[in-house]
Protein backbone atom coordinates (compact mmCIF):
# COMPACT_ATOMS: atom_id res chain seq x y z
CA MET A 1 -9.29 -34.54 46.62
CA ASN A 2 -8.16 -37.44 48.83
CA THR A 3 -4.64 -36.03 48.69
CA PHE A 4 -5.80 -32.76 50.24
CA ALA A 5 -8.16 -34.44 52.71
CA GLU A 6 -5.29 -36.72 53.86
CA VAL A 7 -7.32 -39.91 53.31
CA ASN A 8 -7.35 -42.82 50.87
CA GLU A 9 -11.12 -43.31 50.81
CA GLY A 10 -12.97 -40.02 51.13
CA ASP A 11 -16.55 -40.10 52.38
CA GLY A 12 -17.70 -37.38 49.99
CA SER A 13 -17.97 -34.63 52.59
CA ALA A 14 -14.71 -32.80 51.82
CA SER A 15 -15.26 -29.24 50.58
CA PRO A 16 -14.08 -28.34 47.06
CA GLN A 17 -12.30 -25.45 48.79
CA LEU A 18 -9.63 -27.93 49.92
CA PHE A 19 -8.51 -28.55 46.35
CA ASN A 20 -5.78 -26.05 45.57
CA PRO A 21 -2.57 -27.48 44.07
CA THR A 22 0.11 -24.80 43.97
CA ALA A 23 2.05 -25.95 40.90
CA LEU A 24 -0.02 -28.55 39.08
CA ASN A 25 1.70 -29.49 35.83
CA CYS A 26 0.38 -32.38 33.77
CA ASN A 27 3.27 -31.96 31.34
CA GLN A 28 5.57 -32.90 34.22
CA TRP A 29 3.47 -36.02 34.82
CA THR A 30 3.68 -37.16 31.23
CA SER A 31 7.39 -36.37 31.05
CA VAL A 32 7.93 -38.70 34.01
CA LEU A 33 5.90 -41.39 32.28
CA LYS A 34 7.73 -40.93 28.99
CA SER A 35 11.10 -41.25 30.74
CA ALA A 36 9.83 -44.44 32.33
CA GLY A 37 8.83 -45.90 28.95
CA ILE A 38 5.12 -45.84 29.78
CA SER A 39 2.83 -45.56 26.77
CA THR A 40 -0.60 -45.13 28.38
CA ALA A 41 -1.80 -43.01 31.32
CA ILE A 42 -5.10 -43.34 33.19
CA PHE A 43 -6.24 -40.31 35.17
CA VAL A 44 -8.66 -40.51 38.08
CA ALA A 45 -11.31 -38.00 36.99
CA LYS A 46 -13.63 -38.99 39.85
CA HIS A 47 -12.96 -41.34 42.76
CA ALA A 48 -15.51 -42.71 45.20
CA ASP A 49 -15.58 -39.42 47.14
CA GLY A 50 -17.42 -37.96 44.13
CA PHE A 51 -15.17 -34.93 43.57
CA CYS A 52 -14.78 -34.21 39.87
CA ASN A 53 -11.44 -33.05 38.47
CA TRP A 54 -13.11 -31.29 35.57
CA PRO A 55 -15.79 -28.53 35.56
CA THR A 56 -18.69 -30.87 34.92
CA ALA A 57 -22.07 -29.32 34.27
CA TYR A 58 -23.82 -31.92 36.43
CA THR A 59 -22.58 -31.28 39.98
CA ASN A 60 -21.08 -28.47 42.02
CA HIS A 61 -18.74 -30.92 43.72
CA SER A 62 -15.89 -30.21 41.34
CA VAL A 63 -12.90 -28.03 40.50
CA LYS A 64 -15.23 -25.25 39.39
CA ASN A 65 -15.95 -24.54 43.06
CA SER A 66 -12.33 -24.78 44.20
CA PRO A 67 -9.87 -21.88 44.60
CA TRP A 68 -7.50 -23.51 42.10
CA LYS A 69 -7.07 -21.22 39.08
CA ASN A 70 -9.86 -19.05 40.43
CA SER A 71 -12.37 -21.82 39.80
CA LYS A 72 -11.49 -21.88 36.08
CA GLY A 73 -9.25 -24.96 36.03
CA ASP A 74 -9.78 -28.31 34.32
CA VAL A 75 -7.35 -31.07 35.28
CA VAL A 76 -8.77 -33.52 32.75
CA ARG A 77 -8.19 -30.99 29.96
CA GLU A 78 -4.59 -30.40 31.03
CA PHE A 79 -4.03 -34.14 31.35
CA ALA A 80 -5.46 -34.93 27.91
CA ASN A 81 -3.42 -32.16 26.29
CA ALA A 82 -0.22 -33.30 28.01
CA CYS A 83 -0.76 -36.87 26.83
CA GLN A 84 -1.35 -35.69 23.27
CA ASN A 85 1.80 -33.55 23.37
CA LEU A 86 4.02 -36.56 24.14
CA GLY A 87 2.15 -39.23 22.22
CA ILE A 88 0.85 -40.98 25.34
CA LYS A 89 -2.54 -42.66 25.14
CA ALA A 90 -5.02 -41.12 27.59
CA GLY A 91 -7.38 -43.15 29.75
CA ILE A 92 -9.99 -42.12 32.31
CA TYR A 93 -10.94 -43.64 35.66
CA LEU A 94 -14.52 -42.57 36.34
CA GLY A 95 -15.52 -44.24 39.59
CA ALA A 96 -18.96 -45.82 39.56
CA HIS A 97 -19.19 -45.62 43.33
CA ASP A 98 -20.05 -42.14 44.62
CA ARG A 99 -20.26 -41.36 48.35
CA HIS A 100 -21.12 -37.70 47.76
CA ASP A 101 -24.14 -37.89 45.47
CA SER A 102 -27.38 -38.78 47.26
CA ARG A 103 -28.79 -40.29 44.05
CA TYR A 104 -26.21 -43.06 44.06
CA GLY A 105 -27.76 -46.40 43.13
CA THR A 106 -30.95 -44.87 41.67
CA PRO A 107 -32.06 -44.41 38.05
CA ASP A 108 -31.33 -40.69 38.45
CA TYR A 109 -27.73 -41.55 39.28
CA SER A 110 -27.53 -43.66 36.13
CA THR A 111 -28.46 -40.57 34.14
CA TYR A 112 -26.02 -38.40 36.10
CA TYR A 113 -23.14 -40.77 35.47
CA ALA A 114 -24.08 -41.24 31.80
CA ASN A 115 -24.04 -37.48 31.34
CA GLN A 116 -20.59 -37.19 32.92
CA LEU A 117 -19.30 -40.09 30.86
CA SER A 118 -20.59 -38.36 27.76
CA GLU A 119 -18.84 -35.11 28.74
CA LEU A 120 -15.52 -36.88 29.08
CA LEU A 121 -15.81 -38.95 25.92
CA ARG A 122 -17.03 -36.08 23.75
CA ASN A 123 -14.78 -33.24 24.82
CA TYR A 124 -11.28 -34.52 25.57
CA GLY A 125 -10.08 -36.24 22.42
CA PRO A 126 -9.39 -39.96 21.98
CA ILE A 127 -9.76 -41.94 25.20
CA TRP A 128 -7.83 -45.20 25.10
CA GLU A 129 -9.38 -46.81 28.19
CA ILE A 130 -12.23 -46.27 30.61
CA TRP A 131 -11.71 -47.75 34.08
CA TRP A 132 -14.78 -49.06 35.93
CA ASP A 133 -13.64 -49.87 39.44
CA GLY A 134 -16.02 -52.31 41.09
CA ALA A 135 -14.88 -51.51 44.64
CA GLY A 136 -17.89 -50.46 46.71
CA ALA A 137 -20.11 -50.31 43.64
CA ASP A 138 -22.32 -53.32 44.29
CA GLN A 139 -25.47 -51.19 43.96
CA ILE A 140 -24.51 -50.51 40.35
CA THR A 141 -26.25 -53.38 38.57
CA SER A 142 -25.75 -54.66 35.04
CA THR A 143 -28.60 -52.43 33.88
CA PHE A 144 -26.51 -49.35 34.73
CA TYR A 145 -23.52 -50.69 32.82
CA ASP A 146 -25.67 -51.64 29.82
CA ARG A 147 -26.54 -47.96 29.44
CA TRP A 148 -23.05 -46.67 30.14
CA ALA A 149 -21.39 -49.19 27.82
CA ASP A 150 -23.66 -48.02 25.04
CA THR A 151 -22.38 -44.49 25.66
CA VAL A 152 -18.77 -45.70 25.44
CA ARG A 153 -19.30 -47.70 22.27
CA THR A 154 -21.24 -44.86 20.62
CA LEU A 155 -18.81 -42.05 21.45
CA GLN A 156 -15.46 -43.87 21.56
CA PRO A 157 -15.89 -47.25 19.81
CA ASN A 158 -12.20 -48.14 20.11
CA CYS A 159 -12.04 -47.44 23.85
CA VAL A 160 -10.88 -50.35 26.03
CA VAL A 161 -13.10 -51.07 29.06
CA PHE A 162 -11.62 -52.23 32.34
CA GLY A 163 -14.54 -54.15 33.78
CA THR A 164 -15.26 -55.76 37.14
CA LYS A 165 -18.25 -57.36 38.84
CA ASN A 166 -21.48 -56.17 37.19
CA SER A 167 -19.67 -54.62 34.22
CA TYR A 168 -18.30 -58.06 33.33
CA ARG A 169 -20.14 -58.21 30.01
CA TYR A 170 -18.11 -55.29 28.71
CA ALA A 171 -14.70 -56.12 30.18
CA ASN A 172 -11.87 -55.93 27.64
CA CYS A 173 -9.35 -56.25 30.48
CA ARG A 174 -9.74 -57.53 34.02
CA TRP A 175 -8.57 -57.09 37.60
CA MET A 176 -6.16 -59.87 38.53
CA GLY A 177 -7.28 -60.36 42.11
CA ASN A 178 -4.89 -58.26 44.22
CA GLU A 179 -3.30 -54.84 44.42
CA SER A 180 0.18 -56.15 45.16
CA GLY A 181 1.61 -56.26 41.65
CA LEU A 182 1.42 -60.05 41.35
CA SER A 183 -0.20 -61.93 38.50
CA GLY A 184 -0.36 -65.70 38.55
CA ASP A 185 1.79 -68.48 37.17
CA PRO A 186 0.28 -69.55 34.88
CA CYS A 187 -1.60 -66.50 33.69
CA TRP A 188 -3.97 -67.07 30.81
CA LEU A 189 -5.53 -64.21 28.87
CA THR A 190 -8.75 -66.18 28.68
CA ILE A 191 -11.32 -66.44 31.47
CA ASN A 192 -14.97 -67.33 32.00
CA PRO A 193 -17.08 -64.17 32.43
CA VAL A 194 -18.67 -65.49 35.62
CA SER A 195 -15.25 -65.25 37.28
CA ILE A 196 -15.22 -61.50 36.64
CA ARG A 197 -18.83 -61.05 37.74
CA GLU A 198 -18.45 -63.02 40.98
CA GLU A 199 -14.92 -61.92 41.78
CA GLU A 200 -14.85 -62.69 45.51
CA ALA A 201 -15.38 -66.38 44.80
CA HIS A 202 -12.96 -66.43 41.87
CA ILE A 203 -9.80 -64.64 43.00
CA ALA A 204 -7.64 -67.55 41.80
CA GLN A 205 -9.28 -67.48 38.37
CA LEU A 206 -8.79 -63.73 38.09
CA ASN A 207 -5.14 -64.13 39.04
CA HIS A 208 -4.37 -67.08 36.78
CA GLY A 209 -6.99 -66.78 34.06
CA GLU A 210 -8.61 -69.96 32.76
CA VAL A 211 -6.99 -71.93 29.96
CA ASP A 212 -10.39 -72.92 28.55
CA GLY A 213 -12.11 -69.65 29.36
CA THR A 214 -14.69 -68.46 26.84
CA ALA A 215 -13.65 -64.78 26.82
CA TYR A 216 -10.36 -63.09 25.93
CA VAL A 217 -9.84 -60.62 28.80
CA PRO A 218 -6.18 -59.84 29.66
CA ALA A 219 -5.21 -58.96 33.22
CA GLU A 220 -4.11 -55.55 34.45
CA VAL A 221 -1.73 -55.74 37.41
CA ASP A 222 -2.34 -52.68 39.56
CA VAL A 223 0.04 -51.53 42.28
CA SER A 224 1.12 -48.15 43.63
CA ILE A 225 4.70 -46.94 43.54
CA ARG A 226 4.00 -45.51 47.02
CA PRO A 227 2.35 -47.36 49.95
CA SER A 228 -1.02 -45.67 49.29
CA TRP A 229 -2.97 -44.84 46.15
CA PHE A 230 -2.92 -41.14 47.07
CA TYR A 231 0.00 -38.97 48.19
CA HIS A 232 0.76 -38.66 51.90
CA LYS A 233 3.91 -36.86 53.02
CA GLU A 234 4.63 -39.31 55.83
CA GLU A 235 5.15 -42.02 53.19
CA ASP A 236 7.92 -40.17 51.32
CA ALA A 237 10.57 -42.57 52.62
CA ARG A 238 8.60 -45.63 51.54
CA VAL A 239 8.60 -45.27 47.75
CA LYS A 240 9.13 -48.61 46.03
CA SER A 241 12.76 -49.26 45.13
CA VAL A 242 13.99 -50.05 41.61
CA ALA A 243 14.44 -53.64 42.80
CA ASP A 244 10.77 -53.70 43.86
CA LEU A 245 9.71 -52.32 40.48
CA TRP A 246 11.89 -54.88 38.70
CA ASP A 247 10.06 -57.66 40.54
CA PHE A 248 6.70 -56.09 39.66
CA TYR A 249 7.75 -55.98 36.01
CA PHE A 250 8.55 -59.69 35.92
CA ASN A 251 5.39 -60.56 37.85
CA SER A 252 3.14 -58.57 35.51
CA VAL A 253 4.58 -57.90 32.04
CA GLY A 254 6.65 -61.05 32.49
CA HIS A 255 3.51 -62.99 33.38
CA ASN A 256 1.58 -62.21 30.21
CA SER A 257 -0.17 -59.19 31.76
CA VAL A 258 -0.15 -55.39 31.79
CA LEU A 259 1.53 -53.47 34.63
CA LEU A 260 -0.66 -50.63 35.90
CA LEU A 261 1.67 -48.59 38.13
CA ASN A 262 0.12 -45.81 40.19
CA PHE A 263 1.90 -42.41 40.43
CA PRO A 264 0.22 -40.17 43.05
CA PRO A 265 0.92 -36.43 42.56
CA ASP A 266 1.61 -34.47 45.75
CA LYS A 267 -0.23 -31.41 47.05
CA ARG A 268 1.70 -29.22 44.64
CA GLY A 269 0.23 -31.23 41.78
CA LEU A 270 3.60 -32.77 40.86
CA ILE A 271 5.09 -36.25 40.85
CA SER A 272 7.92 -36.22 43.36
CA ALA A 273 11.56 -36.41 42.30
CA ILE A 274 12.17 -39.73 44.06
CA VAL A 275 9.20 -41.36 42.30
CA SER A 276 10.41 -40.02 38.96
CA ALA A 277 13.93 -41.33 39.58
CA ARG A 278 12.73 -44.78 40.58
CA ALA A 279 10.50 -45.10 37.52
CA ALA A 280 13.30 -43.94 35.22
CA GLY A 281 15.61 -46.43 36.93
CA LEU A 282 13.25 -49.26 36.02
CA GLN A 283 13.23 -48.21 32.38
CA GLN A 284 17.04 -48.06 32.33
CA LEU A 285 17.19 -51.57 33.77
CA ILE A 286 14.71 -52.87 31.19
CA LYS A 287 16.71 -51.36 28.33
CA ALA A 288 20.06 -52.57 29.65
CA THR A 289 18.80 -56.13 30.20
CA PHE A 290 16.97 -56.63 26.94
CA LYS A 291 19.23 -54.76 24.52
CA THR A 292 21.10 -57.95 23.56
CA ASN A 293 19.51 -61.32 22.92
CA LEU A 294 22.30 -63.83 23.52
CA ALA A 295 20.44 -66.36 21.38
CA THR A 296 20.37 -64.16 18.27
CA ASP A 297 23.12 -66.00 16.36
CA ALA A 298 22.17 -69.47 17.54
CA VAL A 299 21.77 -72.42 15.22
CA VAL A 300 18.17 -73.48 15.83
CA LYS A 301 16.74 -76.92 15.15
CA SER A 302 13.38 -78.46 16.00
CA LEU A 303 11.71 -81.85 15.73
CA HIS A 304 8.51 -80.76 13.98
CA PRO A 305 9.10 -77.69 11.78
CA ARG A 306 6.21 -76.65 9.60
CA GLY A 307 8.57 -75.54 6.84
CA GLY A 308 8.23 -72.66 4.42
CA ASP A 309 8.28 -69.23 6.04
CA TYR A 310 7.85 -70.66 9.56
CA LYS A 311 11.48 -71.67 10.16
CA PRO A 312 12.93 -72.13 13.66
CA THR A 313 15.41 -69.27 13.24
CA ASN A 314 12.46 -66.86 13.19
CA MET A 315 12.45 -67.12 16.98
CA VAL A 316 15.81 -65.34 17.21
CA ASP A 317 15.56 -62.81 14.37
CA ASN A 318 14.40 -59.96 16.68
CA SER A 319 11.17 -59.52 14.70
CA GLU A 320 7.62 -59.95 15.94
CA SER A 321 6.33 -60.20 12.38
CA THR A 322 7.93 -63.62 11.77
CA TYR A 323 7.43 -66.75 13.79
CA TYR A 324 8.17 -70.43 14.07
CA ALA A 325 5.32 -72.90 13.69
CA THR A 326 4.89 -76.64 13.73
CA SER A 327 2.53 -78.62 11.55
CA ASP A 328 -1.11 -78.51 12.61
CA ASN A 329 -1.03 -81.92 14.29
CA ALA A 330 2.19 -81.31 16.25
CA VAL A 331 1.33 -79.78 19.62
CA THR A 332 4.61 -80.89 21.23
CA ASP A 333 8.14 -80.17 20.11
CA THR A 334 11.78 -79.92 21.15
CA ILE A 335 13.67 -76.87 19.98
CA THR A 336 17.45 -76.68 20.40
CA PHE A 337 19.51 -73.49 20.33
CA ASN A 338 23.24 -74.02 19.73
CA LEU A 339 24.79 -70.78 20.98
CA GLY A 340 28.17 -71.44 19.31
CA LYS A 341 30.09 -70.91 22.55
CA LYS A 342 29.42 -70.78 26.26
CA LYS A 343 27.32 -67.80 27.29
CA THR A 344 26.03 -66.72 30.69
CA PHE A 345 22.44 -65.58 31.10
CA ASP A 346 19.99 -65.03 33.95
CA VAL A 347 16.77 -64.05 32.15
CA LEU A 348 14.83 -65.92 29.51
CA MET A 349 11.84 -64.90 27.41
CA LEU A 350 9.26 -66.68 25.30
CA GLN A 351 6.56 -65.02 23.20
CA GLU A 352 3.68 -66.68 21.38
CA VAL A 353 1.80 -65.21 18.45
CA ILE A 354 -1.07 -64.28 20.73
CA GLU A 355 -3.26 -63.21 17.80
CA LEU A 356 -3.58 -66.98 17.21
CA GLY A 357 -4.57 -67.62 20.81
CA HIS A 358 -2.99 -69.60 23.62
CA ARG A 359 -1.55 -72.70 22.01
CA THR A 360 1.22 -74.07 24.23
CA THR A 361 0.09 -75.30 27.68
CA GLY A 362 3.21 -77.01 29.04
CA TRP A 363 6.92 -76.29 28.60
CA SER A 364 10.36 -76.49 30.21
CA VAL A 365 13.87 -75.27 29.42
CA ASP A 366 17.15 -77.18 29.80
CA TYR A 367 20.80 -76.28 29.20
CA SER A 368 23.98 -78.11 28.27
CA SER A 369 27.69 -77.32 28.23
CA GLU A 370 28.40 -79.58 25.26
CA GLY A 371 25.02 -80.27 23.66
CA LYS A 372 24.65 -83.83 24.93
CA ASN A 373 24.07 -83.89 28.66
CA TRP A 374 21.10 -81.76 29.61
CA VAL A 375 20.32 -80.09 32.94
CA SER A 376 16.90 -78.70 33.79
CA ILE A 377 16.66 -75.03 34.72
CA PRO A 378 14.61 -75.17 37.95
CA GLU A 379 12.92 -71.79 37.49
CA ALA A 380 11.88 -72.78 33.95
CA THR A 381 10.62 -76.31 34.58
CA GLY A 382 6.97 -77.33 34.46
CA LYS A 383 5.70 -74.02 33.12
CA GLN A 384 2.29 -73.73 31.46
CA SER A 385 1.29 -70.43 29.82
CA ILE A 386 3.38 -68.34 27.43
CA GLY A 387 1.00 -65.86 25.82
CA TYR A 388 2.19 -62.48 24.60
CA LYS A 389 5.26 -62.55 26.84
CA TRP A 390 6.69 -64.76 29.55
CA LEU A 391 9.84 -63.73 31.42
CA ILE A 392 11.78 -65.68 34.02
CA LYS A 393 14.64 -64.49 36.23
CA LEU A 394 17.16 -67.26 36.87
CA LYS A 395 20.22 -67.96 38.90
CA PRO A 396 23.04 -67.35 36.36
CA VAL A 397 23.42 -70.19 33.86
CA THR A 398 26.45 -70.76 31.65
CA ALA A 399 25.77 -72.95 28.63
CA SER A 400 26.62 -73.52 24.99
CA SER A 401 23.22 -75.01 24.15
CA VAL A 402 19.68 -74.46 25.38
CA ARG A 403 16.58 -76.42 24.53
CA VAL A 404 12.89 -75.71 24.94
CA ARG A 405 10.66 -78.74 25.46
CA ILE A 406 7.02 -78.19 24.57
CA ASP A 407 5.22 -80.95 26.44
CA SER A 408 1.57 -80.10 25.79
CA GLY A 409 -0.62 -77.77 23.80
CA LYS A 410 -4.04 -76.99 22.41
CA ALA A 411 -2.77 -76.48 18.87
CA GLY A 412 0.43 -76.42 16.86
CA LEU A 413 3.17 -74.09 18.10
CA ALA A 414 3.33 -70.45 17.03
CA ILE A 415 6.29 -68.78 18.76
CA HIS A 416 7.84 -65.57 17.49
CA THR A 417 10.58 -64.95 20.07
CA PHE A 418 12.95 -66.87 22.29
CA GLY A 419 15.46 -64.80 24.19
CA LEU A 420 18.35 -65.20 26.63
CA TYR A 421 19.58 -62.11 28.47
CA LYS A 422 22.00 -61.03 31.18
CA GLN A 423 21.00 -58.48 33.78
CA PRO A 424 23.54 -55.69 34.26
CA SER A 425 25.32 -55.19 37.53
CA TRP A 426 23.37 -52.71 39.64
CA PRO A 427 23.05 -51.82 43.32
């Protein structure tokens, strides 16, 4: 609705008669996402303006009172079907804040929202994630979320909950403190729940996580591919470039987080060609960069190998099912990769076995031309977290040997991948 009302934060007064996309095609949306390598899509079923993009039985402020498809349309249905057709996991943003409904903040609103949540979770197939935006929703106390979380767990027990503020108890993933596509360095997947509940006082903790946090709550890094969260024609020339998206990728996925990239459909109900091209360009760049691990054939040695199946070469065998480990009492290590000849790289990657938790807490990477005299890589010096994936863009380095120094840790190492890559030439 905000797209048609030409606003980003509707006040709830816009008439359903405004909603009338001329060519809405959710299959086009999911095709764009598939081409961009995106595996999960989250659709805004209801934003804070209260307009519902499905024909809910519980309010007239919905598509059923719009001229679109003669009041017979259901965007959520078309979205869910399109996701299923291409094997994309479907998620739902159901805003807790509601500027249209006069019951907002009352027990009656709790029932209203629970009924809508039940509609969505019962009738649209598997829902991978439910998104509870805390913006403006301070009147929604933990008591509301206790009830709504019970609905989620009863109807879709495997559904991931994005939780903020008063839904902190149920958060499986968290906001990371900004909407600029930047997660912290370090970025731990663990955090103390109070940091989610009292977010304004804990922006740094949301952005970086907390190494000794008591809850495992990964960060989602949300940013829009356009200047605004909703489509506005005057912003057509300001779509993020592939270079911008590449930076977002390294500052989210490359910082042990999940990139949540917003694609606003236009008034036709389509994702614009320029947005589609930019997203596809990012995927092409990802594939071209990471297709060849320059460390794959390296001779790998370490100071404290555990032995058995946990050999150092597991880090360069291109398999996430094998990994290198040290003995239980060895939380530091030096791992050397002899590349066999000089190779030039400008990206490096480390991946821990995150199922075993954050283990390494301090590391650096050096290089050598002959395997004796070592030079620190500035961008990869004094790092802390690794987690599921840590990526670093570097000034080009040419070396015949590379070493990883693990300086501190909470437990013995468990690393399944070390990679060196070269970005392709591109505009």
